[in-house]
Amino acid sequence: MKLPASAPTAASAVQGGSFSEAMTTALKSVSQQQLQASQLQRELQLDNPTVSLEETMVAMQKAQVGFQAVLQVRNRLVSAYSDIMNMQV
Protein backbone atom coordinates (compact mmCIF):
# COMPACT_ATOMS: atom_id res chain seq x y z
CA MET A 1 0.00 0.00 0.00
CA LYS A 2 1.50 3.30 -1.09
CA LEU A 3 0.98 6.48 0.91
CA PRO A 4 0.28 9.77 -0.88
CA ALA A 5 3.24 12.10 -1.16
CA SER A 6 1.52 14.74 0.99
CA ALA A 7 0.99 12.39 3.95
CA PRO A 8 3.91 12.45 6.39
CA THR A 9 4.98 9.11 7.79
CA ALA A 10 5.57 8.50 11.47
CA ALA A 11 9.28 7.97 10.83
CA SER A 12 9.70 11.32 9.10
CA ALA A 13 7.80 13.07 11.89
CA VAL A 14 10.09 11.52 14.51
CA GLN A 15 13.24 12.38 12.58
CA GLY A 16 11.99 15.97 12.20
CA GLY A 17 12.73 16.89 15.79
CA SER A 18 10.56 17.59 18.77
CA PHE A 19 7.24 16.15 19.82
CA SER A 20 5.51 19.48 19.23
CA GLU A 21 6.67 19.46 15.60
CA ALA A 22 5.38 15.91 15.15
CA MET A 23 2.06 16.83 16.75
CA THR A 24 1.73 19.95 14.59
CA THR A 25 2.43 17.89 11.47
CA ALA A 26 -0.17 15.31 12.49
CA LEU A 27 -2.78 17.99 13.18
CA LYS A 28 -2.16 19.64 9.83
CA SER A 29 -2.45 16.29 8.09
CA VAL A 30 -5.77 15.50 9.78
CA SER A 31 -7.06 18.97 8.99
CA GLN A 32 -6.11 18.53 5.33
CA GLN A 33 -7.87 15.16 5.22
CA GLN A 34 -11.03 16.70 6.68
CA LEU A 35 -10.95 19.54 4.16
CA GLN A 36 -10.50 17.08 1.30
CA ALA A 37 -13.42 14.96 2.55
CA SER A 38 -15.62 18.06 2.82
CA GLN A 39 -14.72 19.14 -0.71
CA LEU A 40 -15.48 15.68 -2.08
CA GLN A 41 -18.83 15.66 -0.25
CA ARG A 42 -19.70 19.03 -1.73
CA GLU A 43 -18.74 17.93 -5.24
CA LEU A 44 -20.73 14.71 -4.88
CA GLN A 45 -23.80 16.67 -3.77
CA LEU A 46 -23.42 18.91 -6.83
CA ASP A 47 -23.40 15.79 -9.05
CA ASN A 48 -19.85 16.24 -10.29
CA PRO A 49 -19.29 13.26 -12.63
CA THR A 50 -15.58 13.05 -11.76
CA VAL A 51 -16.26 12.34 -8.05
CA SER A 52 -17.44 8.89 -7.03
CA LEU A 53 -19.34 7.87 -3.93
CA GLU A 54 -16.65 5.32 -3.09
CA GLU A 55 -13.87 7.91 -3.26
CA THR A 56 -15.87 10.25 -1.04
CA MET A 57 -16.63 7.56 1.54
CA VAL A 58 -12.98 6.49 1.73
CA ALA A 59 -11.87 10.11 2.23
CA MET A 60 -14.46 10.56 4.97
CA GLN A 61 -13.31 7.39 6.76
CA LYS A 62 -9.64 8.44 6.52
CA ALA A 63 -10.52 11.80 8.05
CA GLN A 64 -12.53 10.11 10.81
CA VAL A 65 -9.75 7.65 11.67
CA GLY A 66 -7.16 10.43 11.71
CA PHE A 67 -9.33 12.58 13.96
CA GLN A 68 -9.92 9.69 16.37
CA ALA A 69 -6.16 9.02 16.54
CA VAL A 70 -5.40 12.65 17.33
CA LEU A 71 -8.18 12.66 19.92
CA GLN A 72 -6.68 9.60 21.63
CA VAL A 73 -3.23 11.22 21.71
CA ARG A 74 -4.76 14.34 23.25
CA ASN A 75 -6.58 12.26 25.87
CA ARG A 76 -3.35 10.46 26.76
CA LEU A 77 -1.51 13.78 27.07
CA VAL A 78 -4.18 15.22 29.36
CA SER A 79 -4.10 12.06 31.46
CA ALA A 80 -0.31 12.16 31.72
CA TYR A 81 -0.39 15.85 32.65
CA SER A 82 -2.99 15.15 35.35
CA ASP A 83 -0.89 12.29 36.73
CA ILE A 84 2.21 14.49 36.87
CA MET A 85 0.34 17.35 38.53
CA ASN A 86 -1.06 14.98 41.19
CA MET A 87 2.37 13.54 42.10
CA GLN A 88 3.67 14.12 45.60
CA VAL A 89 7.00 15.92 45.62
C-alpha atoms as a PDB file:
ATOM      1  CA  MET A   1       0.000   0.000   0.000  1.00  0.00           C
ATOM      2  CA  LYS A   2       1.500   3.299  -1.094  1.00  0.00           C
ATOM      3  CA  LEU A   3       0.977   6.480   0.914  1.00  0.00           C
ATOM      4  CA  PRO A   4       0.282   9.770  -0.879  1.00  0.00           C
ATOM      5  CA  ALA A   5       3.243  12.103  -1.161  1.00  0.00           C
ATOM      6  CA  SER A   6       1.523  14.738   0.993  1.00  0.00           C
ATOM      7  CA  ALA A   7       0.988  12.387   3.955  1.00  0.00           C
ATOM      8  CA  PRO A   8       3.913  12.453   6.388  1.00  0.00           C
ATOM      9  CA  THR A   9       4.982   9.110   7.791  1.00  0.00           C
ATOM     10  CA  ALA A  10       5.571   8.497  11.469  1.00  0.00           C
ATOM     11  CA  ALA A  11       9.279   7.966  10.833  1.00  0.00           C
ATOM     12  CA  SER A  12       9.699  11.316   9.097  1.00  0.00           C
ATOM     13  CA  ALA A  13       7.795  13.069  11.886  1.00  0.00           C
ATOM     14  CA  VAL A  14      10.088  11.522  14.510  1.00  0.00           C
ATOM     15  CA  GLN A  15      13.238  12.384  12.579  1.00  0.00           C
ATOM     16  CA  GLY A  16      11.990  15.968  12.196  1.00  0.00           C
ATOM     17  CA  GLY A  17      12.729  16.888  15.791  1.00  0.00           C
ATOM     18  CA  SER A  18      10.556  17.593  18.773  1.00  0.00           C
ATOM     19  CA  PHE A  19       7.238  16.150  19.824  1.00  0.00           C
ATOM     20  CA  SER A  20       5.509  19.478  19.234  1.00  0.00           C
ATOM     21  CA  GLU A  21       6.666  19.460  15.595  1.00  0.00           C
ATOM     22  CA  ALA A  22       5.382  15.905  15.155  1.00  0.00           C
ATOM     23  CA  MET A  23       2.058  16.834  16.747  1.00  0.00           C
ATOM     24  CA  THR A  24       1.733  19.945  14.587  1.00  0.00           C
ATOM     25  CA  THR A  25       2.433  17.885  11.472  1.00  0.00           C
ATOM     26  CA  ALA A  26      -0.170  15.310  12.490  1.00  0.00           C
ATOM     27  CA  LEU A  27      -2.783  17.989  13.185  1.00  0.00           C
ATOM     28  CA  LYS A  28      -2.159  19.645   9.831  1.00  0.00           C
ATOM     29  CA  SER A  29      -2.447  16.288   8.085  1.00  0.00           C
ATOM     30  CA  VAL A  30      -5.767  15.502   9.783  1.00  0.00           C
ATOM     31  CA  SER A  31      -7.059  18.972   8.988  1.00  0.00           C
ATOM     32  CA  GLN A  32      -6.105  18.534   5.335  1.00  0.00           C
ATOM     33  CA  GLN A  33      -7.866  15.161   5.218  1.00  0.00           C
ATOM     34  CA  GLN A  34     -11.026  16.699   6.684  1.00  0.00           C
ATOM     35  CA  LEU A  35     -10.948  19.536   4.159  1.00  0.00           C
ATOM     36  CA  GLN A  36     -10.504  17.081   1.300  1.00  0.00           C
ATOM     37  CA  ALA A  37     -13.417  14.958   2.548  1.00  0.00           C
ATOM     38  CA  SER A  38     -15.619  18.060   2.818  1.00  0.00           C
ATOM     39  CA  GLN A  39     -14.723  19.143  -0.709  1.00  0.00           C
ATOM     40  CA  LEU A  40     -15.484  15.682  -2.075  1.00  0.00           C
ATOM     41  CA  GLN A  41     -18.826  15.657  -0.249  1.00  0.00           C
ATOM     42  CA  ARG A  42     -19.699  19.028  -1.729  1.00  0.00           C
ATOM     43  CA  GLU A  43     -18.740  17.931  -5.235  1.00  0.00           C
ATOM     44  CA  LEU A  44     -20.731  14.710  -4.875  1.00  0.00           C
ATOM     45  CA  GLN A  45     -23.799  16.671  -3.767  1.00  0.00           C
ATOM     46  CA  LEU A  46     -23.415  18.905  -6.828  1.00  0.00           C
ATOM     47  CA  ASP A  47     -23.401  15.790  -9.046  1.00  0.00           C
ATOM     48  CA  ASN A  48     -19.850  16.240 -10.287  1.00  0.00           C
ATOM     49  CA  PRO A  49     -19.292  13.265 -12.627  1.00  0.00           C
ATOM     50  CA  THR A  50     -15.579  13.049 -11.764  1.00  0.00           C
ATOM     51  CA  VAL A  51     -16.256  12.340  -8.048  1.00  0.00           C
ATOM     52  CA  SER A  52     -17.436   8.891  -7.032  1.00  0.00           C
ATOM     53  CA  LEU A  53     -19.336   7.873  -3.930  1.00  0.00           C
ATOM     54  CA  GLU A  54     -16.654   5.323  -3.087  1.00  0.00           C
ATOM     55  CA  GLU A  55     -13.868   7.911  -3.256  1.00  0.00           C
ATOM     56  CA  THR A  56     -15.871  10.254  -1.040  1.00  0.00           C
ATOM     57  CA  MET A  57     -16.627   7.565   1.545  1.00  0.00           C
ATOM     58  CA  VAL A  58     -12.980   6.490   1.726  1.00  0.00           C
ATOM     59  CA  ALA A  59     -11.874  10.106   2.230  1.00  0.00           C
ATOM     60  CA  MET A  60     -14.461  10.559   4.970  1.00  0.00           C
ATOM     61  CA  GLN A  61     -13.309   7.393   6.756  1.00  0.00           C
ATOM     62  CA  LYS A  62      -9.645   8.445   6.524  1.00  0.00           C
ATOM     63  CA  ALA A  63     -10.517  11.803   8.046  1.00  0.00           C
ATOM     64  CA  GLN A  64     -12.526  10.112  10.812  1.00  0.00           C
ATOM     65  CA  VAL A  65      -9.748   7.648  11.672  1.00  0.00           C
ATOM     66  CA  GLY A  66      -7.157  10.429  11.712  1.00  0.00           C
ATOM     67  CA  PHE A  67      -9.332  12.577  13.957  1.00  0.00           C
ATOM     68  CA  GLN A  68      -9.921   9.690  16.367  1.00  0.00           C
ATOM     69  CA  ALA A  69      -6.162   9.015  16.538  1.00  0.00           C
ATOM     70  CA  VAL A  70      -5.396  12.654  17.335  1.00  0.00           C
ATOM     71  CA  LEU A  71      -8.182  12.661  19.921  1.00  0.00           C
ATOM     72  CA  GLN A  72      -6.683   9.598  21.628  1.00  0.00           C
ATOM     73  CA  VAL A  73      -3.231  11.220  21.711  1.00  0.00           C
ATOM     74  CA  ARG A  74      -4.757  14.340  23.246  1.00  0.00           C
ATOM     75  CA  ASN A  75      -6.576  12.261  25.867  1.00  0.00           C
ATOM     76  CA  ARG A  76      -3.351  10.461  26.759  1.00  0.00           C
ATOM     77  CA  LEU A  77      -1.509  13.777  27.069  1.00  0.00           C
ATOM     78  CA  VAL A  78      -4.181  15.218  29.360  1.00  0.00           C
ATOM     79  CA  SER A  79      -4.103  12.055  31.460  1.00  0.00           C
ATOM     80  CA  ALA A  80      -0.306  12.157  31.723  1.00  0.00           C
ATOM     81  CA  TYR A  81      -0.393  15.846  32.652  1.00  0.00           C
ATOM     82  CA  SER A  82      -2.990  15.150  35.346  1.00  0.00           C
ATOM     83  CA  ASP A  83      -0.890  12.288  36.727  1.00  0.00           C
ATOM     84  CA  ILE A  84       2.210  14.488  36.874  1.00  0.00           C
ATOM     85  CA  MET A  85       0.337  17.350  38.532  1.00  0.00           C
ATOM     86  CA  ASN A  86      -1.058  14.976  41.192  1.00  0.00           C
ATOM     87  CA  MET A  87       2.367  13.543  42.105  1.00  0.00           C
ATOM     88  CA  GLN A  88       3.675  14.122  45.601  1.00  0.00           C
ATOM     89  CA  VAL A  89       6.997  15.924  45.617  1.00  0.00           C
END
